Protein backbone atom coordinates (compact mmCIF):
# COMPACT_ATOMS: atom_id res chain seq x y z
CA UNK A 1 67.94 90.63 -54.08
CA UNK A 2 66.62 90.86 -50.53
CA UNK A 3 63.13 90.71 -49.09
CA UNK A 4 61.97 93.04 -46.37
CA UNK A 5 60.47 90.87 -43.68
CA UNK A 6 60.04 93.62 -41.12
CA UNK A 7 56.52 93.60 -39.74
CA UNK A 8 54.57 96.71 -40.48
CA UNK A 9 53.09 98.43 -37.50
CA UNK A 10 49.44 99.40 -37.72
CA UNK A 11 49.38 102.99 -36.48
CA UNK A 12 45.60 103.33 -36.91
CA UNK A 13 43.52 104.00 -33.83
CA UNK A 14 41.86 100.87 -32.45
CA UNK A 15 38.23 100.48 -33.37
CA UNK A 16 35.59 100.46 -30.65
CA UNK A 17 34.66 97.08 -29.22
CA UNK A 18 31.19 97.37 -30.78
CA UNK A 19 32.79 97.48 -34.24
CA UNK A 20 35.04 94.56 -33.52
CA UNK A 21 32.31 92.37 -32.19
CA UNK A 22 28.91 93.77 -33.20
CA UNK A 23 27.27 90.44 -32.39
CA UNK A 24 28.25 90.52 -28.71
CA UNK A 25 26.70 92.30 -25.72
CA UNK A 26 28.34 94.57 -23.21
CA UNK A 27 29.93 91.56 -21.46
CA UNK A 28 31.46 90.18 -24.65
CA UNK A 29 28.96 87.35 -24.86
CA UNK A 30 27.00 86.44 -27.97
CA UNK A 31 23.68 88.25 -28.03
CA UNK A 32 20.48 86.32 -27.62
CA UNK A 33 19.57 87.28 -31.17
CA UNK A 34 22.78 85.77 -32.43
CA UNK A 35 22.26 82.60 -30.39
CA UNK A 36 18.68 82.31 -31.69
CA UNK A 37 19.84 82.54 -35.27
CA UNK A 38 22.43 79.83 -34.59
CA UNK A 39 19.74 77.61 -33.11
CA UNK A 40 17.54 78.21 -36.16
CA UNK A 41 20.39 77.11 -38.37
CA UNK A 42 20.77 73.94 -36.30
CA UNK A 43 17.20 73.01 -37.15
CA UNK A 44 18.25 72.30 -40.73
CA UNK A 45 21.80 71.10 -40.04
CA UNK A 46 20.82 67.55 -39.09
CA UNK A 47 19.25 65.21 -41.64
CA UNK A 48 16.29 64.47 -39.36
CA UNK A 49 15.60 68.18 -38.80
CA UNK A 50 16.01 69.00 -42.46
CA UNK A 51 13.54 66.39 -43.67
CA UNK A 52 11.13 67.17 -40.86
CA UNK A 53 10.99 70.78 -42.02
CA UNK A 54 10.29 69.64 -45.57
CA UNK A 55 7.60 67.21 -44.28
CA UNK A 56 5.85 70.04 -42.42
CA UNK A 57 5.62 72.06 -45.63
CA UNK A 58 4.46 69.08 -47.64
CA UNK A 59 1.81 68.16 -45.10
CA UNK A 60 0.18 71.58 -45.42
CA UNK A 61 0.14 71.24 -49.20
CA UNK A 62 -1.25 67.74 -49.11
CA UNK A 63 -4.10 68.68 -46.78
CA UNK A 64 -5.13 71.52 -49.11
CA UNK A 65 -4.87 69.23 -52.13
CA UNK A 66 -7.08 66.56 -50.55
CA UNK A 67 -9.74 69.15 -49.68
CA UNK A 68 -9.70 70.44 -53.24
CA UNK A 69 -10.48 66.96 -54.57
CA UNK A 70 -12.88 65.71 -51.84
CA UNK A 71 -14.66 68.62 -50.14
CA UNK A 72 -17.88 70.15 -51.56
CA UNK A 73 -17.41 73.55 -53.25
CA UNK A 74 -18.95 75.59 -50.41
CA UNK A 75 -16.40 74.06 -48.00
CA UNK A 76 -13.43 74.95 -50.21
CA UNK A 77 -12.67 78.23 -48.54
CA UNK A 78 -9.62 79.78 -46.99
CA UNK A 79 -10.81 79.32 -43.40
CA UNK A 80 -11.13 75.54 -43.80
CA UNK A 81 -7.90 75.14 -45.75
CA UNK A 82 -6.01 77.07 -43.13
CA UNK A 83 -7.59 75.48 -40.06
CA UNK A 84 -7.31 71.86 -41.18
CA UNK A 85 -3.66 72.26 -42.17
CA UNK A 86 -2.80 73.26 -38.60
CA UNK A 87 -3.66 69.94 -37.02
CA UNK A 88 -1.10 67.61 -38.66
CA UNK A 89 1.56 70.36 -38.48
CA UNK A 90 0.83 70.61 -34.77
CA UNK A 91 1.68 66.95 -34.40
CA UNK A 92 5.08 67.36 -36.11
CA UNK A 93 6.19 70.57 -34.48
CA UNK A 94 6.72 69.00 -31.01
CA UNK A 95 9.10 66.51 -32.66
CA UNK A 96 10.98 69.41 -34.22
CA UNK A 97 11.27 70.99 -30.74
CA UNK A 98 12.52 67.77 -29.26
CA UNK A 99 15.20 67.34 -31.92
CA UNK A 100 16.33 70.94 -31.37
CA UNK A 101 17.30 69.95 -27.83
CA UNK A 102 18.10 66.23 -27.83
CA UNK A 103 20.27 66.26 -30.95
CA UNK A 104 22.81 68.26 -28.90
CA UNK A 105 23.19 65.31 -26.57
CA UNK A 106 22.92 62.46 -29.12
CA UNK A 107 25.53 64.05 -31.40
CA UNK A 108 27.61 65.34 -28.48
CA UNK A 109 27.62 68.91 -29.82
CA UNK A 110 26.51 69.97 -26.35
CA UNK A 111 30.18 69.90 -25.35
CA UNK A 112 31.03 72.63 -27.87
CA UNK A 113 27.81 74.56 -27.26
CA UNK A 114 28.27 74.88 -23.51
CA UNK A 115 32.00 75.50 -23.89
CA UNK A 116 31.29 78.49 -26.14
CA UNK A 117 28.37 79.70 -24.10
CA UNK A 118 28.91 78.65 -20.47
CA UNK A 119 25.65 80.36 -19.37
CA UNK A 120 23.47 77.38 -20.23
CA UNK A 121 20.22 79.16 -19.54
CA UNK A 122 21.00 81.56 -22.39
CA UNK A 123 21.32 78.65 -24.82
CA UNK A 124 17.94 77.34 -23.66
CA UNK A 125 16.29 80.70 -24.06
CA UNK A 126 17.73 80.83 -27.59
CA UNK A 127 16.30 77.41 -28.32
CA UNK A 128 12.88 78.55 -27.10
CA UNK A 129 13.10 81.62 -29.34
CA UNK A 130 14.16 79.51 -32.33
CA UNK A 131 11.31 77.07 -31.72
CA UNK A 132 8.79 79.92 -31.53
CA UNK A 133 10.11 81.40 -34.80
CA UNK A 134 9.86 78.01 -36.47
CA UNK A 135 6.26 77.66 -35.26
CA UNK A 136 5.33 81.10 -36.66
CA UNK A 137 7.00 80.22 -39.99
CA UNK A 138 4.90 77.07 -40.17
CA UNK A 139 1.80 79.25 -39.75
CA UNK A 140 2.95 81.44 -42.62
CA UNK A 141 3.54 78.37 -44.72
CA UNK A 142 0.04 77.16 -43.99
CA UNK A 143 -1.35 80.57 -44.91
CA UNK A 144 0.43 80.43 -48.24
CA UNK A 145 -0.83 76.96 -49.11
CA UNK A 146 -4.35 77.85 -47.95
CA UNK A 147 -4.27 80.98 -50.10
CA UNK A 148 -3.17 78.95 -53.13
CA UNK A 149 -5.88 76.39 -52.48
CA UNK A 150 -8.45 79.18 -52.23
CA UNK A 151 -7.37 80.64 -55.57
CA UNK A 152 -7.55 77.27 -57.25
CA UNK A 153 -11.02 76.61 -55.68
CA UNK A 154 -12.31 79.94 -56.98
CA UNK A 155 -11.08 79.21 -60.51
CA UNK A 156 -12.31 75.61 -60.62
CA UNK A 157 -15.72 75.88 -58.97
CA UNK A 158 -18.01 77.77 -56.62
CA UNK A 159 -15.57 77.83 -53.70
CA UNK A 160 -12.85 80.31 -53.03
CA UNK A 161 -14.30 82.33 -50.12
CA UNK A 162 -11.67 84.41 -48.28
CA UNK A 163 -13.78 85.34 -45.25
CA UNK A 164 -11.92 84.82 -41.97
CA UNK A 165 -11.05 86.76 -38.88
CA UNK A 166 -7.79 87.92 -37.33
CA UNK A 167 -8.49 85.69 -34.38
CA UNK A 168 -7.87 82.67 -36.65
CA UNK A 169 -4.32 83.73 -37.30
CA UNK A 170 -3.70 84.57 -33.65
CA UNK A 171 -5.16 81.22 -32.57
CA UNK A 172 -3.01 79.33 -35.06
CA UNK A 173 0.11 81.11 -33.87
CA UNK A 174 -0.62 80.34 -30.24
CA UNK A 175 -1.49 76.75 -31.11
CA UNK A 176 1.78 76.08 -32.93
CA UNK A 177 3.95 77.89 -30.44
CA UNK A 178 2.47 75.85 -27.62
CA UNK A 179 3.12 72.64 -29.57
CA UNK A 180 6.77 73.42 -30.30
CA UNK A 181 7.42 74.54 -26.69
CA UNK A 182 5.89 71.29 -25.45
CA UNK A 183 8.47 69.41 -27.50
CA UNK A 184 11.34 71.54 -26.23
CA UNK A 185 10.17 71.07 -22.65
CA UNK A 186 10.04 67.23 -22.98
CA UNK A 187 13.37 67.28 -24.77
CA UNK A 188 15.03 69.23 -21.95
CA UNK A 189 13.50 67.05 -19.29
CA UNK A 190 14.25 63.63 -20.83
CA UNK A 191 17.30 64.50 -23.05
CA UNK A 192 16.65 61.37 -25.14
CA UNK A 193 15.12 61.62 -28.56
CA UNK A 194 13.17 58.33 -28.69
CA UNK A 195 11.92 58.62 -25.08
CA UNK A 196 10.90 62.29 -25.48
CA UNK A 197 9.04 61.66 -28.76
CA UNK A 198 7.20 58.64 -27.42
CA UNK A 199 6.10 60.22 -24.14
CA UNK A 200 5.17 63.57 -25.73
CA UNK A 201 2.80 61.79 -28.08
CA UNK A 202 1.57 59.00 -25.80
CA UNK A 203 0.93 60.76 -22.51
CA UNK A 204 -1.54 63.38 -23.86
CA UNK A 205 -3.39 60.61 -25.80
CA UNK A 206 -3.55 58.39 -22.69
CA UNK A 207 -4.81 61.28 -20.56
CA UNK A 208 -7.40 62.21 -23.18
CA UNK A 209 -8.60 58.62 -23.40
CA UNK A 210 -8.89 58.29 -19.61
CA UNK A 211 -10.77 61.58 -19.40
CA UNK A 212 -13.27 60.35 -22.00
CA UNK A 213 -13.76 56.93 -20.43
CA UNK A 214 -13.78 57.72 -16.69
CA UNK A 215 -16.56 60.06 -15.66
CA UNK A 216 -14.73 61.31 -12.53
CA UNK A 217 -11.83 62.52 -14.68
CA UNK A 218 -13.92 64.43 -17.24
CA UNK A 219 -13.95 67.59 -15.18
CA UNK A 220 -10.19 67.52 -14.75
CA UNK A 221 -9.71 66.62 -18.42
CA UNK A 222 -11.40 69.89 -19.40
CA UNK A 223 -8.52 71.68 -17.67
CA UNK A 224 -5.64 69.32 -18.35
CA UNK A 225 -6.29 67.78 -21.74
CA UNK A 226 -4.33 69.90 -24.25
CA UNK A 227 -6.25 68.28 -27.08
CA UNK A 228 -9.41 69.87 -25.70
CA UNK A 229 -8.01 73.17 -24.48
CA UNK A 230 -6.16 73.97 -27.71
CA UNK A 231 -8.90 72.76 -30.09
CA UNK A 232 -10.75 76.08 -30.02
CA UNK A 233 -7.63 77.83 -31.27
CA UNK A 234 -7.86 76.27 -34.73
CA UNK A 235 -11.23 74.60 -35.19
CA UNK A 236 -14.02 76.33 -37.13
CA UNK A 237 -16.44 78.03 -37.02
CA UNK A 238 -14.72 80.63 -34.81
CA UNK A 239 -11.04 79.59 -34.51
CA UNK A 240 -9.08 81.55 -31.95
CA UNK A 241 -12.15 83.27 -30.55
CA UNK A 242 -11.90 82.00 -26.95
CA UNK A 243 -13.85 83.26 -23.95
CA UNK A 244 -12.34 83.83 -20.54
CA UNK A 245 -12.99 80.33 -19.34
CA UNK A 246 -11.40 78.75 -22.40
CA UNK A 247 -8.29 80.89 -21.98
CA UNK A 248 -8.14 79.92 -18.34
CA UNK A 249 -8.34 76.17 -19.12
CA UNK A 250 -5.72 76.67 -21.86
CA UNK A 251 -3.36 78.40 -19.40
CA UNK A 252 -3.72 75.60 -16.84
CA UNK A 253 -3.06 72.83 -19.36
CA UNK A 254 -0.03 74.67 -20.79
CA UNK A 255 1.34 75.22 -17.29
CA UNK A 256 1.06 71.46 -16.56
CA UNK A 257 2.30 70.07 -19.87
CA UNK A 258 4.74 72.77 -20.88
CA UNK A 259 5.84 75.02 -17.99
CA UNK A 260 6.43 72.30 -15.43
CA UNK A 261 8.62 70.02 -17.58
CA UNK A 262 10.32 73.06 -19.00
CA UNK A 263 11.39 74.30 -15.60
CA UNK A 264 12.41 70.83 -14.46
CA UNK A 265 14.38 70.31 -17.71
CA UNK A 266 16.05 73.71 -17.29
CA UNK A 267 17.19 72.77 -13.77
CA UNK A 268 18.46 69.44 -14.96
CA UNK A 269 20.32 70.87 -17.94
CA UNK A 270 21.97 73.64 -15.86
CA UNK A 271 23.09 71.20 -13.19
CA UNK A 272 23.99 68.27 -15.43
CA UNK A 273 27.70 67.42 -15.76
CA UNK A 274 28.47 67.32 -19.50
CA UNK A 275 31.10 64.74 -20.43
């Protein structure tokens, strides 16, 4: 008994390159959409990122639960549930953005990442996109918990008002995207998880404190204190309803605290020798 070991020739016509690699662009590189999805998966791949995502969801639920037990019935409405859940989530999202960047260096996966995608700026753009998506998902999670709290308030008492404006959702989305981009910017610039987390939390607090204590800095603080410029995005009674001056101050503070470190971090990352 013999076995035919002759290799069979595939006489079928070769498939187009788009069919062979539908997730690549015209140059054979992974598309930005594909890279963004990969970066989103990385958010939950590490233990720190995984538990931070769970914590963000739990924080929204805890805020709503506390309001249900402590706030008067008239204050138990969707607008308050949604607005107040944004503030603690906004503190955690910068840390998520930092981990998205610095975990590459601390776990040395940056060697593989930049070997597979030598165009480092494309990886950074994908991280920015993944961070923005995560921020928007956090807003949706807050909306869900706020809606559940409103239903419970309506069933248990005289609360349960659903009145709110579209500007509240837009303001929350801008607020959270700014927060996560701030974390990514500090992560790119410092490339150290502890240092980036400490400075991203401490520097704005120090600047806010100085602006409140020193009269000569109060004018500058109105333009550079992100705590002040972003507050109108989420705080009642009209969250997200900013006038021209408020948008201008928000733009200046974001340029200083997000755009400048982001550009500096991008230059450092592109030029850094990875070993």
